[in-house]
Protein backbone atom coordinates (compact mmCIF):
# COMPACT_ATOMS: atom_id res chain seq x y z
CA MET A 1 113.30 113.45 79.28
CA LYS A 2 112.59 115.71 76.34
CA GLY A 3 108.97 116.72 75.86
CA GLU A 4 107.85 115.70 79.33
CA MET A 5 105.56 117.77 81.52
CA GLU A 6 107.31 118.37 84.85
CA MET A 7 105.83 118.63 88.35
CA MET A 8 107.40 119.14 91.78
CA GLU A 9 106.20 117.51 95.01
CA ASP A 10 107.57 117.19 98.54
CA VAL A 11 106.75 113.47 98.73
CA VAL A 12 105.66 111.01 96.06
CA ILE A 13 104.26 107.63 97.08
CA VAL A 14 103.99 104.91 94.44
CA GLY A 15 100.97 102.69 95.07
CA ALA A 16 97.57 103.34 96.65
CA GLY A 17 97.33 100.12 98.62
CA ILE A 18 97.34 99.83 102.40
CA ALA A 19 100.96 100.91 102.82
CA GLY A 20 100.69 103.79 100.35
CA LEU A 21 97.48 105.32 101.68
CA ALA A 22 98.49 104.80 105.32
CA THR A 23 101.84 106.49 104.68
CA ALA A 24 100.08 109.44 103.05
CA VAL A 25 97.80 109.75 106.09
CA ALA A 26 100.77 109.55 108.47
CA LEU A 27 102.53 112.31 106.56
CA LYS A 28 99.40 114.42 106.62
CA ARG A 29 99.47 114.16 110.41
CA VAL A 30 102.86 115.86 110.46
CA GLY A 31 101.82 118.50 107.94
CA VAL A 32 103.39 117.00 104.81
CA ARG A 33 101.40 116.65 101.62
CA ALA A 34 102.12 113.52 99.60
CA LEU A 35 101.10 112.73 96.05
CA VAL A 36 100.05 109.07 95.69
CA LEU A 37 100.49 107.51 92.25
CA GLU A 38 98.24 104.53 91.45
CA ARG A 39 98.41 102.60 88.19
CA SER A 40 94.77 101.44 88.40
CA GLN A 41 91.77 103.58 87.57
CA GLY A 42 90.49 103.54 91.14
CA ILE A 43 91.02 102.10 94.62
CA ARG A 44 91.80 98.39 94.26
CA ALA A 45 90.18 95.86 96.59
CA THR A 46 92.06 92.71 95.59
CA GLY A 47 92.15 90.31 98.52
CA ALA A 48 88.51 90.69 99.67
CA ALA A 49 89.27 90.95 103.41
CA LEU A 50 92.09 90.78 105.94
CA SER A 51 92.50 90.13 109.64
CA LEU A 52 93.96 92.87 111.79
CA PHE A 53 95.67 92.03 115.07
CA PRO A 54 96.25 94.39 118.03
CA ASN A 55 99.42 95.88 116.54
CA ALA A 56 97.49 96.89 113.42
CA TRP A 57 94.77 98.55 115.50
CA LEU A 58 97.42 100.40 117.47
CA ALA A 59 98.77 101.75 114.19
CA LEU A 60 95.24 102.67 113.05
CA ASP A 61 94.76 104.47 116.38
CA ALA A 62 97.90 106.45 115.63
CA LEU A 63 96.60 107.27 112.15
CA GLY A 64 93.29 108.39 113.61
CA VAL A 65 91.06 106.08 111.56
CA SER A 66 90.42 103.05 113.78
CA HIS A 67 87.05 104.40 114.96
CA LYS A 68 85.73 104.20 111.40
CA LEU A 69 86.17 100.43 111.36
CA THR A 70 85.64 99.25 114.94
CA ARG A 71 82.00 100.28 114.85
CA SER A 72 81.36 97.98 111.87
CA TYR A 73 83.54 94.97 112.70
CA ASP A 74 83.27 93.14 116.00
CA PRO A 75 86.35 91.48 117.51
CA PHE A 76 86.82 87.73 117.58
CA LEU A 77 87.62 86.46 121.04
CA LYS A 78 88.00 82.80 120.18
CA GLY A 79 88.48 80.34 117.37
CA SER A 80 89.01 76.68 116.63
CA VAL A 81 91.37 74.57 114.56
CA THR A 82 90.17 71.17 113.33
CA ASN A 83 92.60 68.47 112.27
CA ILE A 84 90.86 66.84 109.31
CA ASN A 85 92.82 63.60 109.64
CA THR A 86 92.29 62.96 113.35
CA GLY A 87 89.13 64.93 114.06
CA ASP A 88 90.81 66.73 116.96
CA VAL A 89 89.49 70.22 117.60
CA GLN A 90 91.59 72.79 119.42
CA GLN A 91 90.00 75.88 120.92
CA VAL A 92 91.95 79.14 121.07
CA LEU A 93 90.91 82.16 123.10
CA PHE A 94 91.78 85.75 122.22
CA PRO A 95 90.67 87.85 125.21
CA ASP A 96 90.98 91.62 125.54
CA GLN A 97 90.98 93.20 122.07
CA GLY A 98 90.91 90.01 120.07
CA ILE A 99 91.25 90.31 116.31
CA ARG A 100 88.96 91.87 113.73
CA THR A 101 88.55 90.87 110.11
CA VAL A 102 87.60 93.76 107.82
CA HIS A 103 86.80 94.25 104.16
CA ARG A 104 89.98 95.36 102.45
CA LYS A 105 88.03 97.97 100.52
CA ALA A 106 86.62 99.40 103.76
CA LEU A 107 90.13 99.84 105.15
CA LEU A 108 91.37 101.49 101.97
CA GLU A 109 88.38 103.82 101.86
CA ALA A 110 88.80 104.74 105.53
CA LEU A 111 92.38 105.79 104.78
CA ALA A 112 91.59 107.52 101.48
CA GLU A 113 88.86 109.63 103.11
CA GLU A 114 91.53 111.28 105.26
CA LEU A 115 93.36 112.63 102.22
CA PRO A 116 92.63 115.65 100.01
CA THR A 117 90.77 114.67 96.85
CA ASP A 118 93.68 115.68 94.61
CA SER A 119 96.31 113.70 96.51
CA ILE A 120 95.72 110.40 94.66
CA ARG A 121 96.52 110.34 90.96
CA PHE A 122 95.03 107.28 89.27
CA SER A 123 96.02 105.73 85.92
CA SER A 124 99.63 106.69 86.64
CA LYS A 125 101.96 103.87 85.66
CA LEU A 126 105.61 104.19 86.57
CA ALA A 127 108.05 104.02 83.66
CA ALA A 128 111.42 104.99 85.17
CA ILE A 129 113.12 106.42 88.25
CA GLU A 130 116.23 108.53 88.57
CA SER A 131 118.02 110.35 91.37
CA GLN A 132 119.50 113.79 90.76
CA GLU A 133 122.17 115.15 93.11
CA GLN A 134 121.55 118.72 94.24
CA GLY A 135 124.81 119.35 96.10
CA GLY A 136 125.42 119.57 99.81
CA GLY A 137 124.35 115.97 100.29
CA ALA A 138 120.83 116.62 99.02
CA SER A 139 119.15 114.89 96.11
CA ILE A 140 115.76 114.71 94.48
CA ALA A 141 114.00 111.75 92.94
CA VAL A 142 112.50 112.01 89.49
CA VAL A 143 109.62 109.70 88.58
CA HIS A 144 108.79 109.28 84.90
CA LEU A 145 105.28 108.09 84.06
CA GLU A 146 104.18 106.30 80.92
CA ASP A 147 101.97 109.25 79.95
CA GLY A 148 105.05 111.45 79.63
CA THR A 149 104.80 113.20 82.98
CA ALA A 150 107.96 113.71 85.06
CA ILE A 151 107.46 114.32 88.78
CA LYS A 152 110.31 115.55 90.96
CA SER A 153 110.12 114.89 94.68
CA LYS A 154 112.19 115.43 97.79
CA VAL A 155 111.21 111.95 99.01
CA LEU A 156 110.08 108.91 97.01
CA ILE A 157 108.40 106.00 98.81
CA GLY A 158 107.69 102.77 96.98
CA CYS A 159 104.50 101.12 98.23
CA ASP A 160 103.92 99.32 94.96
CA GLY A 161 103.55 95.79 96.25
CA VAL A 162 105.32 92.47 95.86
CA HIS A 163 106.68 93.22 92.39
CA SER A 164 107.79 96.73 93.30
CA VAL A 165 109.45 98.85 90.64
CA VAL A 166 111.00 101.03 93.34
CA ALA A 167 112.45 98.00 95.16
CA ARG A 168 113.91 96.78 91.88
CA TRP A 169 115.49 100.21 91.33
CA LEU A 170 117.05 100.04 94.80
CA GLY A 171 118.57 96.68 93.87
CA LEU A 172 116.49 94.49 96.18
CA ALA A 173 116.32 90.85 95.14
CA GLU A 174 113.03 89.72 93.66
CA PRO A 175 110.56 87.86 95.91
CA VAL A 176 110.52 84.08 95.57
CA HIS A 177 107.75 81.49 95.47
CA SER A 178 107.01 79.73 98.74
CA GLY A 179 105.83 76.59 96.93
CA ARG A 180 102.26 77.26 98.05
CA SER A 181 99.31 79.16 96.67
CA ALA A 182 96.11 80.59 98.12
CA VAL A 183 92.49 81.00 97.11
CA ARG A 184 90.63 83.86 98.79
CA SER A 185 87.06 85.05 98.49
CA LEU A 186 83.99 86.46 100.16
CA ALA A 187 80.88 84.35 100.68
CA VAL A 188 77.39 85.84 100.89
CA PHE A 189 74.32 84.40 102.62
CA PRO A 190 71.53 86.74 101.42
CA GLN A 191 69.08 85.56 104.09
CA GLY A 192 71.68 85.71 106.83
CA HIS A 193 73.56 82.93 108.60
CA ARG A 194 73.66 81.35 112.05
CA PHE A 195 77.36 80.68 112.36
CA LYS A 196 79.16 81.59 115.56
CA HIS A 197 81.21 84.75 115.60
CA GLU A 198 84.57 83.02 115.68
CA VAL A 199 87.45 82.00 113.46
CA GLN A 200 87.34 78.42 112.17
CA GLN A 201 90.35 76.76 110.56
CA PHE A 202 90.94 73.29 109.14
CA VAL A 203 94.26 71.55 108.46
CA ASP A 204 95.24 68.18 107.04
CA HIS A 205 98.47 66.26 106.46
CA GLN A 206 98.59 67.05 102.75
CA ASP A 207 99.82 70.62 103.16
CA LYS A 208 96.34 72.13 102.98
CA ARG A 209 94.90 74.70 105.33
CA ALA A 210 91.54 76.41 105.05
CA GLY A 211 89.24 78.55 107.12
CA PHE A 212 86.50 81.11 107.29
CA VAL A 213 85.47 84.00 109.47
CA PRO A 214 82.18 85.95 109.49
CA LEU A 215 82.43 89.63 108.64
CA ASN A 216 78.84 90.42 109.55
CA ASP A 217 75.48 88.62 109.63
CA ARG A 218 75.55 88.03 105.85
CA GLU A 219 79.16 87.83 104.69
CA PHE A 220 82.16 85.59 105.29
CA TYR A 221 85.79 85.75 104.33
CA TRP A 222 87.17 82.32 103.41
CA PHE A 223 90.50 81.00 102.18
CA LEU A 224 92.41 77.87 101.26
CA THR A 225 96.17 77.40 100.97
CA CYS A 226 97.81 74.40 99.35
CA LYS A 227 100.89 73.30 97.48
CA GLU A 228 101.36 75.43 94.44
CA GLU A 229 99.06 74.49 91.60
CA ASN A 230 98.30 76.03 88.24
CA MET A 231 94.67 76.91 88.82
CA THR A 232 92.70 78.48 86.04
CA GLY A 233 91.87 82.14 86.39
CA GLU A 234 88.12 81.57 85.93
CA PRO A 235 86.29 82.07 89.26
CA GLU A 236 83.74 79.31 88.61
CA GLN A 237 86.50 76.81 87.88
CA ILE A 238 88.48 77.83 90.96
CA GLN A 239 85.40 77.36 93.14
CA ARG A 240 84.74 73.95 91.58
CA GLU A 241 88.32 72.79 92.13
CA VAL A 242 88.21 73.85 95.77
CA LEU A 243 84.98 71.93 96.33
CA GLU A 244 85.81 68.81 94.34
CA LYS A 245 89.58 68.50 94.63
CA TYR A 246 91.26 70.49 97.37
CA ALA A 247 88.61 70.49 100.11
CA GLU A 248 86.55 67.45 99.25
CA ASN A 249 87.26 65.85 102.65
CA PHE A 250 86.73 69.06 104.61
CA PRO A 251 83.68 69.48 106.90
CA SER A 252 80.36 70.37 105.29
CA ILE A 253 80.30 73.64 107.21
CA TYR A 254 83.34 74.83 105.26
CA LEU A 255 82.06 73.52 101.93
CA ASP A 256 78.77 75.34 102.48
CA VAL A 257 80.63 78.63 102.86
CA VAL A 258 82.60 77.97 99.65
CA ARG A 259 79.35 77.21 97.76
CA HIS A 260 78.11 80.68 98.72
CA ALA A 261 81.21 82.35 97.30
CA ASP A 262 80.83 85.73 95.65
CA LEU A 263 82.47 84.78 92.36
CA SER A 264 83.47 88.37 91.64
CA THR A 265 85.81 88.28 94.66
CA ILE A 266 87.54 84.93 94.10
CA THR A 267 91.28 85.22 93.55
CA TRP A 268 94.08 82.69 93.24
CA ALA A 269 97.72 83.65 93.65
CA PRO A 270 101.05 82.03 94.48
CA LEU A 271 102.34 82.95 97.94
CA MET A 272 105.51 85.01 97.62
CA TYR A 273 108.06 86.23 100.12
CA ARG A 274 111.45 87.92 100.17
CA HIS A 275 114.27 85.99 101.79
CA PRO A 276 114.84 87.53 105.25
CA TRP A 277 118.57 87.97 104.67
CA ARG A 278 117.74 90.05 101.60
CA ILE A 279 115.82 92.40 103.87
CA ILE A 280 118.52 92.44 106.56
CA PHE A 281 121.42 93.04 104.19
CA GLY A 282 119.67 94.51 101.14
CA ASN A 283 119.40 98.13 100.04
CA LEU A 284 116.10 99.31 101.50
CA ASN A 285 116.90 102.94 100.84
CA LYS A 286 119.15 105.14 98.80
CA GLY A 287 119.28 108.79 99.75
CA ASN A 288 115.70 110.03 99.77
CA ILE A 289 114.19 106.90 98.21
CA THR A 290 112.82 103.95 100.19
CA VAL A 291 110.10 101.30 100.27
CA ALA A 292 107.35 100.18 102.65
CA GLY A 293 104.82 97.38 103.02
CA ASP A 294 104.98 94.48 100.58
CA ALA A 295 107.55 96.38 98.54
CA MET A 296 109.95 95.97 101.47
CA HIS A 297 108.94 92.73 103.19
CA PRO A 298 106.47 90.58 101.23
CA MET A 299 105.47 87.61 103.39
CA THR A 300 103.19 84.61 103.35
CA PRO A 301 99.80 85.18 105.03
CA ASP A 302 100.25 82.64 107.82
CA LEU A 303 100.64 85.20 110.61
CA GLY A 304 98.08 87.60 109.20
CA GLN A 305 100.65 90.40 109.47
CA GLY A 306 100.94 91.63 105.88
CA GLY A 307 98.47 94.47 106.38
CA GLY A 308 99.47 95.11 109.98
CA SER A 309 103.17 95.43 109.16
CA SER A 310 102.33 97.86 106.34
CA LEU A 311 100.41 100.04 108.79
CA GLU A 312 103.36 99.88 111.18
CA ASP A 313 105.72 101.00 108.40
CA ALA A 314 103.50 103.98 107.66
CA VAL A 315 103.39 105.20 111.25
CA VAL A 316 107.13 104.77 111.80
CA LEU A 317 108.01 106.54 108.54
CA GLY A 318 105.64 109.39 109.40
CA ARG A 319 107.25 109.67 112.83
CA HIS A 320 110.79 109.93 111.46
CA ILE A 321 109.87 112.46 108.80
CA GLY A 322 107.87 114.39 111.41
CA ASN A 323 110.86 114.42 113.77
CA SER A 324 113.01 115.86 110.99
CA ILE A 325 110.49 118.62 110.37
CA ILE A 326 110.21 119.42 114.10
CA LYS A 327 113.99 119.52 114.45
CA ASN A 328 114.27 121.95 111.53
CA GLY A 329 111.71 124.43 112.81
CA GLY A 330 108.84 123.19 110.72
CA GLN A 331 110.84 123.20 107.50
CA PHE A 332 111.26 120.36 105.02
CA VAL A 333 115.06 120.20 104.77
CA GLU A 334 116.04 117.89 101.95
CA GLY A 335 119.49 117.03 103.26
CA ASP A 336 118.11 115.89 106.61
CA MET A 337 115.45 113.68 105.00
CA ALA A 338 118.01 111.09 103.93
CA LYS A 339 118.96 110.58 107.57
CA ALA A 340 115.30 110.41 108.61
CA ILE A 341 114.68 107.72 106.01
CA ASP A 342 117.81 105.86 107.07
CA ASP A 343 116.56 105.88 110.68
CA TYR A 344 113.21 104.52 109.50
CA VAL A 345 114.93 101.68 107.64
CA LYS A 346 117.07 100.83 110.67
CA GLU A 347 113.96 100.57 112.81
CA ARG A 348 111.95 98.49 110.35
CA ARG A 349 114.59 96.25 108.78
CA TRP A 350 114.69 93.62 111.55
CA ARG A 351 110.98 93.78 112.30
CA GLY A 352 110.19 93.11 108.64
CA ALA A 353 112.74 90.31 108.29
CA LEU A 354 111.58 88.58 111.45
CA LEU A 355 107.92 88.78 110.49
CA VAL A 356 108.75 87.21 107.13
CA THR A 357 110.62 84.45 108.97
CA GLY A 358 107.82 83.99 111.48
CA SER A 359 105.20 83.82 108.73
CA TYR A 360 107.08 81.21 106.76
CA PHE A 361 107.90 79.22 109.89
CA SER A 362 104.32 79.29 111.19
CA GLY A 363 102.99 78.13 107.83
CA TRP A 364 105.41 75.23 107.97
CA ILE A 365 104.23 74.44 111.51
CA GLN A 366 100.54 74.76 110.63
CA GLN A 367 100.83 72.30 107.80
CA GLY A 368 102.71 69.59 109.63
CA GLY A 369 106.36 70.59 109.57
CA ALA A 370 106.65 71.09 113.32
CA LYS A 371 106.58 67.45 114.39
CA ARG A 372 110.07 66.66 113.24
CA TRP A 373 111.42 69.95 114.61
CA VAL A 374 109.86 69.53 118.05
CA SER A 375 110.91 65.89 118.36
CA ILE A 376 114.56 66.84 117.90
CA PHE A 377 114.40 68.99 121.02
CA LEU A 378 112.45 66.39 122.95
CA VAL A 379 115.14 63.80 122.29
CA PHE A 380 117.62 66.01 124.14
CA SER A 381 115.02 66.73 126.88
CA LEU A 382 115.51 70.48 126.57
CA ASP A 383 113.38 72.79 128.64
CA LEU A 384 113.14 75.16 125.68
CA ARG A 385 111.94 78.62 126.37
CA ILE A 386 109.50 80.21 124.02
CA ILE A 387 111.82 83.18 124.27
CA ILE A 388 113.86 81.66 121.43
CA VAL A 389 110.92 82.20 119.13
CA GLU A 390 110.32 85.64 120.63
CA THR A 391 113.91 86.76 120.31
CA PHE A 392 114.84 85.42 116.89
CA LEU A 393 111.52 85.62 115.10
CA LEU A 394 109.37 88.42 116.27
CA CYS A 395 111.02 90.98 118.56
CA ARG A 396 113.43 93.81 118.19
CA LEU A 397 116.97 92.42 118.16
CA GLY A 398 118.42 92.30 121.63
CA ARG A 399 115.14 92.57 123.55
CA ARG A 400 113.98 89.57 125.54
CA THR A 401 111.69 88.63 128.38
CA LYS A 402 113.67 88.30 131.61
CA SER A 403 111.27 86.13 133.54
CA ARG A 404 111.11 82.39 133.05
CA PRO A 405 108.12 81.51 130.88
CA LEU A 406 105.67 78.88 131.97
CA ILE A 407 105.65 76.91 128.72
CA ARG A 408 107.67 73.81 127.91
CA VAL A 409 108.11 72.56 124.39
CA SER A 410 106.81 69.15 125.42
CA ASN A 411 103.45 70.74 126.21
CA LEU A 412 103.07 72.33 122.78
CA ASP A 413 101.45 70.70 119.80
CA THR A 414 101.49 71.97 116.23
CA GLN A 415 98.60 74.43 116.54
CA GLN A 416 99.77 75.73 119.92
CA TRP A 417 103.14 76.59 118.42
CA TYR A 418 101.35 78.43 115.66
CA TYR A 419 99.25 80.54 118.01
CA VAL A 420 102.21 81.35 120.24
CA ILE A 421 103.96 82.81 117.19
CA VAL A 422 100.79 84.68 116.15
CA LYS A 423 100.54 86.15 119.63
CA LEU A 424 104.16 87.26 119.72
CA SER A 425 104.04 88.81 116.26
CA SER A 426 101.23 91.17 117.25
CA SER A 427 102.64 92.30 120.61
CA HIS A 428 105.75 94.31 119.84
CA PHE A 429 104.94 97.56 118.13
CA LEU A 430 105.15 101.07 119.54
CA PRO A 431 103.90 103.80 117.20
CA PHE A 432 105.76 106.49 119.14
CA ARG A 433 108.82 106.27 121.34
CA ASP A 434 107.45 109.09 123.48
CA ASP A 435 104.28 111.13 123.62
CA SER A 436 105.98 114.35 122.49
CA THR A 437 106.14 113.22 118.88
CA SER A 438 102.54 112.04 118.82
CA MET A 439 101.35 115.40 120.08
CA GLN A 440 102.62 117.00 116.87
CA TRP A 441 100.17 115.00 114.79
CA LYS A 442 97.27 116.99 113.44
CA ASN A 443 93.55 116.51 112.79
CA LEU A 444 93.15 113.51 115.07
CA PRO A 445 90.03 112.52 117.04
CA ALA A 446 89.67 114.38 120.33
CA ASN A 447 90.49 111.35 122.46
CA PHE A 448 93.60 110.42 120.48
CA LYS A 449 96.19 111.82 122.91
CA ALA A 450 94.78 109.98 125.90
CA ARG A 451 94.46 106.77 123.89
CA VAL A 452 98.04 106.91 122.62
CA ALA A 453 99.38 107.65 126.10
CA GLN A 454 97.46 104.71 127.53
CA ARG A 455 98.42 102.29 124.75
CA ASN A 456 102.06 103.40 124.81
CA GLN A 457 102.22 102.63 128.51
CA ARG A 458 100.76 99.18 127.94
CA HIS A 459 103.22 98.45 125.15
CA SER A 460 106.28 100.08 126.76
CA THR A 461 107.69 96.68 127.71
CA ILE A 462 107.43 93.30 126.01
CA VAL A 463 104.30 91.48 127.11
CA GLU A 464 105.70 88.85 129.44
CA LEU A 465 105.03 85.28 128.55
CA GLN A 466 103.86 84.35 132.03
CA LYS A 467 100.71 86.40 131.29
CA GLN A 468 99.72 83.65 128.93
CA GLU A 469 97.58 81.13 130.71
CA GLN A 470 97.84 77.47 129.81
CA LYS A 471 95.30 74.91 130.88
CA VAL A 472 97.74 72.10 131.62
CA GLY A 473 96.90 68.89 129.84
CA GLY A 474 94.07 70.53 127.93
CA ARG A 475 93.56 72.16 124.59
CA VAL A 476 92.58 75.68 125.61
CA TRP A 477 95.03 78.54 125.27
CA LYS A 478 94.45 82.06 126.48
CA PHE A 479 96.54 84.93 125.15
CA CYS A 480 96.47 88.21 127.06
CA ILE A 481 96.74 90.52 124.08
CA SER A 482 97.36 94.08 125.16
């Protein structure tokens, strides 16, 4: 456009959220500098905290930043789910690694610290995108900013969230409302608390689910999901409505956490997702332009895989771009980048679509929708294998466990179904297909190579379902998370 100031970059990433910063770090590992454009004036911490499952930590291992967080956040090895209507309490065990809940800001800062100080450009709002053909199958992307700057890049990656401008440019259908909304916040106990270090969740028959998890000896992350409501944007009013309307019949232990809410962190938002078939059949890339994270596969939070899947995207995209550079003798060949991006999309398309499906399905199960579904199968006395869930929801298409699982549908209640899906969603991610690619990554901790080799071996096959131990007739489940 006339009068614009022009710049040229190898890679431009739109959005400095989890997906954007992680992708920039992944590219740094293969020797590629990326410019990250962020519309805000600084690193955003919307969301307060998030839970990271083993697949997310495997990705953070690959990015070389996991050690920054594991020393501050202890894993949760067990949790409980209380049915508000019946009083039943179900215990769930997460041995091995467990899960860790971290401050979102801490994760973003851990990633940002890995990048050169000039690699994130704040207050940079996207105005328009165009693709310019260069001949010979090559093209460059041109990003126009509202301040009049035009930035040309060999690769453009949209990590700009649920309402992605880049996804819209690619022609992806807009995300849709799930019919539910969520309140999220931190809670602070200045004098400390005496709660157990475990996840506690509460569900009722009115499509409400809530829970909390301690972050440290003073802070909690808490949430509540319910049918979509028009809550006011004022934090005090949101807190009051949770206490007096949405969670009035919830246990006092949960209400006490909500009363200690840090009002500056309270957010309310509708839960959005992209229809899975839009991801499977939609345009996730065009030439040298693609998307990652919520821009590709926005999902409801029921599996806790929004952040983890974004980290996976970053590692896989870095691997494919790195392979292209290795193949071309260390050179950034524009024509070959389109194929590298296409390979990335092929690898992530089904994983993203199935996680979206699994998240929506598990939310439906958690809030009472499973009873009718399970009873249909019981009527026909089917010995249903969990592998159906594994194959069609959460695994790479065509991969399946060969051995006969030990679980029958008649032995599963609503919450057990939910945790089976959670387990499966976090088990099937390999950052590298072989160690040769990972060895090309630069500036990693000294023990990275050994750790990747060990973790790759553990994740080289699908974790077989017979490794899950069920206490027959009881309520305790044990998931061997590798």
